[in-house]
Amino acid sequence: RRTLQDQVTGTVRWSDCMDRLAKRGCDFFIELGPGGVLAGLLKRTREDADVVSVSDAESVRKCAERL
């Protein structure tokens, strides 16, 4: 219960997480689900990020072509 509370109320360290992934060689990011909020946030915080939002069959197809 305490862990769940911490996860819901704790600070999200988005930039730190994305920087760590980039340092480990991640250069292509896929956001799953509608909206594209995280993809937009990633593009704003890491201008060099190659990111795709996948939310329907067509976007899955386009993403698969890039892989």
PDB file of N, CA and C in Angstrom:
ATOM      1  N   ARG A   1       0.827  -1.198   0.000  1.00  0.00           N
ATOM      2  CA  ARG A   1       0.000   0.000   0.000  1.00  0.00           C
ATOM      3  C   ARG A   1       0.874   1.266   0.000  1.00  0.00           C
ATOM      4  N   ARG A   2       1.900   1.250   0.803  1.00  0.00           N
ATOM      5  CA  ARG A   2       2.796   2.408   0.883  1.00  0.00           C
ATOM      6  C   ARG A   2       3.505   2.633  -0.459  1.00  0.00           C
ATOM      7  N   THR A   3       3.921   1.546  -1.090  1.00  0.00           N
ATOM      8  CA  THR A   3       4.600   1.658  -2.385  1.00  0.00           C
ATOM      9  C   THR A   3       3.680   2.298  -3.418  1.00  0.00           C
ATOM     10  N   LEU A   4       2.422   1.875  -3.452  1.00  0.00           N
ATOM     11  CA  LEU A   4       1.459   2.454  -4.385  1.00  0.00           C
ATOM     12  C   LEU A   4       1.276   3.942  -4.102  1.00  0.00           C
ATOM     13  N   GLN A   5       1.169   4.292  -2.847  1.00  0.00           N
ATOM     14  CA  GLN A   5       1.022   5.697  -2.475  1.00  0.00           C
ATOM     15  C   GLN A   5       2.231   6.502  -2.951  1.00  0.00           C
ATOM     16  N   ASP A   6       3.408   5.968  -2.758  1.00  0.00           N
ATOM     17  CA  ASP A   6       4.628   6.655  -3.202  1.00  0.00           C
ATOM     18  C   ASP A   6       4.646   6.831  -4.715  1.00  0.00           C
ATOM     19  N   GLN A   7       4.196   5.819  -5.447  1.00  0.00           N
ATOM     20  CA  GLN A   7       4.191   5.894  -6.907  1.00  0.00           C
ATOM     21  C   GLN A   7       3.197   6.927  -7.414  1.00  0.00           C
ATOM     22  N   VAL A   8       2.062   7.034  -6.751  1.00  0.00           N
ATOM     23  CA  VAL A   8       1.022   7.967  -7.183  1.00  0.00           C
ATOM     24  C   VAL A   8       1.381   9.408  -6.829  1.00  0.00           C
ATOM     25  N   THR A   9       2.014   9.614  -5.693  1.00  0.00           N
ATOM     26  CA  THR A   9       2.278  10.976  -5.218  1.00  0.00           C
ATOM     27  C   THR A   9       3.715  11.435  -5.431  1.00  0.00           C
ATOM     28  N   GLY A  10       4.590  10.532  -5.832  1.00  0.00           N
ATOM     29  CA  GLY A  10       6.004  10.870  -5.978  1.00  0.00           C
ATOM     30  C   GLY A  10       6.304  11.683  -7.224  1.00  0.00           C
ATOM     31  N   THR A  11       7.477  12.262  -7.238  1.00  0.00           N
ATOM     32  CA  THR A  11       7.942  13.066  -8.361  1.00  0.00           C
ATOM     33  C   THR A  11       8.358  12.166  -9.519  1.00  0.00           C
ATOM     34  N   VAL A  12       7.942  12.550 -10.717  1.00  0.00           N
ATOM     35  CA  VAL A  12       8.361  11.838 -11.923  1.00  0.00           C
ATOM     36  C   VAL A  12       9.662  12.478 -12.404  1.00  0.00           C
ATOM     37  N   ARG A  13      10.676  11.663 -12.574  1.00  0.00           N
ATOM     38  CA  ARG A  13      11.984  12.172 -13.008  1.00  0.00           C
ATOM     39  C   ARG A  13      12.164  11.880 -14.501  1.00  0.00           C
ATOM     40  N   TRP A  14      11.285  12.474 -15.288  1.00  0.00           N
ATOM     41  CA  TRP A  14      11.207  12.208 -16.726  1.00  0.00           C
ATOM     42  C   TRP A  14      12.531  12.499 -17.428  1.00  0.00           C
ATOM     43  N   SER A  15      13.049  13.691 -17.250  1.00  0.00           N
ATOM     44  CA  SER A  15      14.285  14.065 -17.951  1.00  0.00           C
ATOM     45  C   SER A  15      15.441  13.157 -17.565  1.00  0.00           C
ATOM     46  N   ASP A  16      15.544  12.835 -16.289  1.00  0.00           N
ATOM     47  CA  ASP A  16      16.604  11.931 -15.839  1.00  0.00           C
ATOM     48  C   ASP A  16      16.477  10.566 -16.506  1.00  0.00           C
ATOM     49  N   CYS A  17      15.261  10.058 -16.576  1.00  0.00           N
ATOM     50  CA  CYS A  17      15.029   8.741 -17.196  1.00  0.00           C
ATOM     51  C   CYS A  17      15.371   8.762 -18.682  1.00  0.00           C
ATOM     52  N   MET A  18      14.941   9.799 -19.390  1.00  0.00           N
ATOM     53  CA  MET A  18      15.202   9.883 -20.822  1.00  0.00           C
ATOM     54  C   MET A  18      16.690  10.087 -21.099  1.00  0.00           C
ATOM     55  N   ASP A  19      17.357  10.883 -20.261  1.00  0.00           N
ATOM     56  CA  ASP A  19      18.805  11.070 -20.421  1.00  0.00           C
ATOM     57  C   ASP A  19      19.548   9.756 -20.208  1.00  0.00           C
ATOM     58  N   ARG A  20      19.135   9.003 -19.222  1.00  0.00           N
ATOM     59  CA  ARG A  20      19.784   7.716 -18.946  1.00  0.00           C
ATOM     60  C   ARG A  20      19.592   6.751 -20.112  1.00  0.00           C
ATOM     61  N   LEU A  21      18.382   6.708 -20.676  1.00  0.00           N
ATOM     62  CA  LEU A  21      18.148   5.842 -21.836  1.00  0.00           C
ATOM     63  C   LEU A  21      19.027   6.260 -23.013  1.00  0.00           C
ATOM     64  N   ALA A  22      19.136   7.555 -23.249  1.00  0.00           N
ATOM     65  CA  ALA A  22      19.969   8.045 -24.353  1.00  0.00           C
ATOM     66  C   ALA A  22      21.434   7.674 -24.134  1.00  0.00           C
ATOM     67  N   LYS A  23      21.908   7.804 -22.913  1.00  0.00           N
ATOM     68  CA  LYS A  23      23.298   7.444 -22.611  1.00  0.00           C
ATOM     69  C   LYS A  23      23.553   5.955 -22.805  1.00  0.00           C
ATOM     70  N   ARG A  24      22.513   5.156 -22.678  1.00  0.00           N
ATOM     71  CA  ARG A  24      22.649   3.708 -22.888  1.00  0.00           C
ATOM     72  C   ARG A  24      22.469   3.319 -24.349  1.00  0.00           C
ATOM     73  N   GLY A  25      22.307   4.293 -25.213  1.00  0.00           N
ATOM     74  CA  GLY A  25      22.247   4.021 -26.640  1.00  0.00           C
ATOM     75  C   GLY A  25      20.859   3.955 -27.241  1.00  0.00           C
ATOM     76  N   CYS A  26      19.833   4.234 -26.469  1.00  0.00           N
ATOM     77  CA  CYS A  26      18.473   4.241 -27.027  1.00  0.00           C
ATOM     78  C   CYS A  26      18.332   5.470 -27.918  1.00  0.00           C
ATOM     79  N   ASP A  27      17.960   5.239 -29.167  1.00  0.00           N
ATOM     80  CA  ASP A  27      17.829   6.366 -30.081  1.00  0.00           C
ATOM     81  C   ASP A  27      16.484   6.400 -30.799  1.00  0.00           C
ATOM     82  N   PHE A  28      15.601   5.480 -30.456  1.00  0.00           N
ATOM     83  CA  PHE A  28      14.273   5.441 -31.058  1.00  0.00           C
ATOM     84  C   PHE A  28      13.281   5.092 -29.958  1.00  0.00           C
ATOM     85  N   PHE A  29      12.255   5.927 -29.789  1.00  0.00           N
ATOM     86  CA  PHE A  29      11.292   5.757 -28.714  1.00  0.00           C
ATOM     87  C   PHE A  29       9.898   5.591 -29.294  1.00  0.00           C
ATOM     88  N   ILE A  30       9.112   4.698 -28.699  1.00  0.00           N
ATOM     89  CA  ILE A  30       7.750   4.428 -29.145  1.00  0.00           C
ATOM     90  C   ILE A  30       6.801   4.666 -27.980  1.00  0.00           C
ATOM     91  N   GLU A  31       5.828   5.553 -28.183  1.00  0.00           N
ATOM     92  CA  GLU A  31       4.774   5.766 -27.190  1.00  0.00           C
ATOM     93  C   GLU A  31       3.557   4.964 -27.621  1.00  0.00           C
ATOM     94  N   LEU A  32       3.056   4.134 -26.732  1.00  0.00           N
ATOM     95  CA  LEU A  32       1.876   3.328 -27.014  1.00  0.00           C
ATOM     96  C   LEU A  32       0.653   3.966 -26.381  1.00  0.00           C
ATOM     97  N   GLY A  33      -0.417   4.098 -27.158  1.00  0.00           N
ATOM     98  CA  GLY A  33      -1.663   4.648 -26.637  1.00  0.00           C
ATOM     99  C   GLY A  33      -1.995   5.985 -27.284  1.00  0.00           C
ATOM    100  N   PRO A  34      -3.240   6.401 -27.138  1.00  0.00           N
ATOM    101  CA  PRO A  34      -3.697   7.638 -27.778  1.00  0.00           C
ATOM    102  C   PRO A  34      -3.141   8.888 -27.100  1.00  0.00           C
ATOM    103  N   GLY A  35      -3.081   9.949 -27.842  1.00  0.00           N
ATOM    104  CA  GLY A  35      -2.738  11.243 -27.268  1.00  0.00           C
ATOM    105  C   GLY A  35      -1.394  11.796 -27.670  1.00  0.00           C
ATOM    106  N   GLY A  36      -0.345  11.031 -27.527  1.00  0.00           N
ATOM    107  CA  GLY A  36       0.981  11.506 -27.894  1.00  0.00           C
ATOM    108  C   GLY A  36       1.590  12.501 -26.921  1.00  0.00           C
ATOM    109  N   VAL A  37       1.083  12.559 -25.700  1.00  0.00           N
ATOM    110  CA  VAL A  37       1.590  13.517 -24.714  1.00  0.00           C
ATOM    111  C   VAL A  37       3.054  13.250 -24.384  1.00  0.00           C
ATOM    112  N   LEU A  38       3.388  11.999 -24.134  1.00  0.00           N
ATOM    113  CA  LEU A  38       4.768  11.673 -23.765  1.00  0.00           C
ATOM    114  C   LEU A  38       5.723  11.884 -24.934  1.00  0.00           C
ATOM    115  N   ALA A  39       5.262  11.574 -26.138  1.00  0.00           N
ATOM    116  CA  ALA A  39       6.095  11.814 -27.321  1.00  0.00           C
ATOM    117  C   ALA A  39       6.395  13.301 -27.458  1.00  0.00           C
ATOM    118  N   GLY A  40       5.392  14.134 -27.252  1.00  0.00           N
ATOM    119  CA  GLY A  40       5.592  15.579 -27.317  1.00  0.00           C
ATOM    120  C   GLY A  40       6.543  16.074 -26.242  1.00  0.00           C
ATOM    121  N   LEU A  41       6.391  15.544 -25.043  1.00  0.00           N
ATOM    122  CA  LEU A  41       7.275  15.925 -23.943  1.00  0.00           C
ATOM    123  C   LEU A  41       8.713  15.518 -24.241  1.00  0.00           C
ATOM    124  N   LEU A  42       8.878  14.324 -24.783  1.00  0.00           N
ATOM    125  CA  LEU A  42      10.223  13.862 -25.121  1.00  0.00           C
ATOM    126  C   LEU A  42      10.848  14.745 -26.196  1.00  0.00           C
ATOM    127  N   LYS A  43      10.075  15.117 -27.202  1.00  0.00           N
ATOM    128  CA  LYS A  43      10.600  15.981 -28.270  1.00  0.00           C
ATOM    129  C   LYS A  43      11.014  17.349 -27.730  1.00  0.00           C
ATOM    130  N   ARG A  44      10.281  17.851 -26.743  1.00  0.00           N
ATOM    131  CA  ARG A  44      10.626  19.151 -26.159  1.00  0.00           C
ATOM    132  C   ARG A  44      11.856  19.073 -25.258  1.00  0.00           C
ATOM    133  N   THR A  45      12.035  17.953 -24.570  1.00  0.00           N
ATOM    134  CA  THR A  45      13.150  17.852 -23.628  1.00  0.00           C
ATOM    135  C   THR A  45      14.420  17.301 -24.270  1.00  0.00           C
ATOM    136  N   ARG A  46      14.271  16.538 -25.339  1.00  0.00           N
ATOM    137  CA  ARG A  46      15.430  15.990 -26.064  1.00  0.00           C
ATOM    138  C   ARG A  46      15.183  16.221 -27.549  1.00  0.00           C
ATOM    139  N   GLU A  47      15.668  17.326 -28.044  1.00  0.00           N
ATOM    140  CA  GLU A  47      15.407  17.714 -29.430  1.00  0.00           C
ATOM    141  C   GLU A  47      15.904  16.692 -30.434  1.00  0.00           C
ATOM    142  N   ASP A  48      16.902  15.905 -30.061  1.00  0.00           N
ATOM    143  CA  ASP A  48      17.467  14.908 -30.966  1.00  0.00           C
ATOM    144  C   ASP A  48      16.699  13.587 -30.946  1.00  0.00           C
ATOM    145  N   ALA A  49      15.658  13.489 -30.134  1.00  0.00           N
ATOM    146  CA  ALA A  49      14.931  12.224 -29.979  1.00  0.00           C
ATOM    147  C   ALA A  49      14.130  11.882 -31.230  1.00  0.00           C
ATOM    148  N   ASP A  50      14.195  10.634 -31.610  1.00  0.00           N
ATOM    149  CA  ASP A  50      13.374  10.091 -32.687  1.00  0.00           C
ATOM    150  C   ASP A  50      12.253   9.327 -31.999  1.00  0.00           C
ATOM    151  N   VAL A  51      11.048   9.873 -32.028  1.00  0.00           N
ATOM    152  CA  VAL A  51       9.943   9.304 -31.257  1.00  0.00           C
ATOM    153  C   VAL A  51       8.696   9.181 -32.120  1.00  0.00           C
ATOM    154  N   VAL A  52       7.962   8.085 -31.911  1.00  0.00           N
ATOM    155  CA  VAL A  52       6.745   7.791 -32.659  1.00  0.00           C
ATOM    156  C   VAL A  52       5.635   7.458 -31.670  1.00  0.00           C
ATOM    157  N   SER A  53       4.432   7.971 -31.937  1.00  0.00           N
ATOM    158  CA  SER A  53       3.259   7.594 -31.147  1.00  0.00           C
ATOM    159  C   SER A  53       2.470   6.549 -31.914  1.00  0.00           C
ATOM    160  N   VAL A  54       2.094   5.487 -31.217  1.00  0.00           N
ATOM    161  CA  VAL A  54       1.350   4.389 -31.828  1.00  0.00           C
ATOM    162  C   VAL A  54       0.014   4.262 -31.111  1.00  0.00           C
ATOM    163  N   SER A  55      -1.089   4.426 -31.874  1.00  0.00           N
ATOM    164  CA  SER A  55      -2.400   4.384 -31.233  1.00  0.00           C
ATOM    165  C   SER A  55      -3.465   3.646 -32.035  1.00  0.00           C
ATOM    166  N   ASP A  56      -3.146   3.272 -33.269  1.00  0.00           N
ATOM    167  CA  ASP A  56      -4.116   2.547 -34.087  1.00  0.00           C
ATOM    168  C   ASP A  56      -3.366   1.665 -35.096  1.00  0.00           C
ATOM    169  N   ALA A  57      -4.119   0.922 -35.884  1.00  0.00           N
ATOM    170  CA  ALA A  57      -3.506  -0.033 -36.813  1.00  0.00           C
ATOM    171  C   ALA A  57      -2.577   0.654 -37.815  1.00  0.00           C
ATOM    172  N   GLU A  58      -2.973   1.804 -38.304  1.00  0.00           N
ATOM    173  CA  GLU A  58      -2.153   2.518 -39.285  1.00  0.00           C
ATOM    174  C   GLU A  58      -0.833   2.987 -38.674  1.00  0.00           C
ATOM    175  N   SER A  59      -0.884   3.519 -37.462  1.00  0.00           N
ATOM    176  CA  SER A  59       0.354   3.983 -36.831  1.00  0.00           C
ATOM    177  C   SER A  59       1.251   2.813 -36.441  1.00  0.00           C
ATOM    178  N   VAL A  60       0.664   1.662 -36.127  1.00  0.00           N
ATOM    179  CA  VAL A  60       1.459   0.458 -35.860  1.00  0.00           C
ATOM    180  C   VAL A  60       2.202   0.052 -37.126  1.00  0.00           C
ATOM    181  N   ARG A  61       1.505   0.078 -38.260  1.00  0.00           N
ATOM    182  CA  ARG A  61       2.119  -0.289 -39.541  1.00  0.00           C
ATOM    183  C   ARG A  61       3.283   0.647 -39.873  1.00  0.00           C
ATOM    184  N   LYS A  62       3.065   1.950 -39.707  1.00  0.00           N
ATOM    185  CA  LYS A  62       4.120   2.921 -40.012  1.00  0.00           C
ATOM    186  C   LYS A  62       5.319   2.755 -39.079  1.00  0.00           C
ATOM    187  N   CYS A  63       5.044   2.483 -37.826  1.00  0.00           N
ATOM    188  CA  CYS A  63       6.127   2.274 -36.865  1.00  0.00           C
ATOM    189  C   CYS A  63       6.918   1.016 -37.225  1.00  0.00           C
ATOM    190  N   ALA A  64       6.219  -0.044 -37.578  1.00  0.00           N
ATOM    191  CA  ALA A  64       6.879  -1.300 -37.938  1.00  0.00           C
ATOM    192  C   ALA A  64       7.783  -1.114 -39.155  1.00  0.00           C
ATOM    193  N   GLU A  65       7.372  -0.282 -40.093  1.00  0.00           N
ATOM    194  CA  GLU A  65       8.200  -0.008 -41.268  1.00  0.00           C
ATOM    195  C   GLU A  65       9.514   0.669 -40.882  1.00  0.00           C
ATOM    196  N   ARG A  66       9.479   1.491 -39.865  1.00  0.00           N
ATOM    197  CA  ARG A  66      10.686   2.200 -39.421  1.00  0.00           C
ATOM    198  C   ARG A  66      11.637   1.293 -38.665  1.00  0.00           C
ATOM    199  N   LEU A  67      11.092   0.236 -38.081  1.00  0.00           N
ATOM    200  CA  LEU A  67      11.949  -0.675 -37.331  1.00  0.00           C
ATOM    201  C   LEU A  67      12.677  -1.580 -38.292  1.00  0.00           C
TER     202      LEU A  67
END
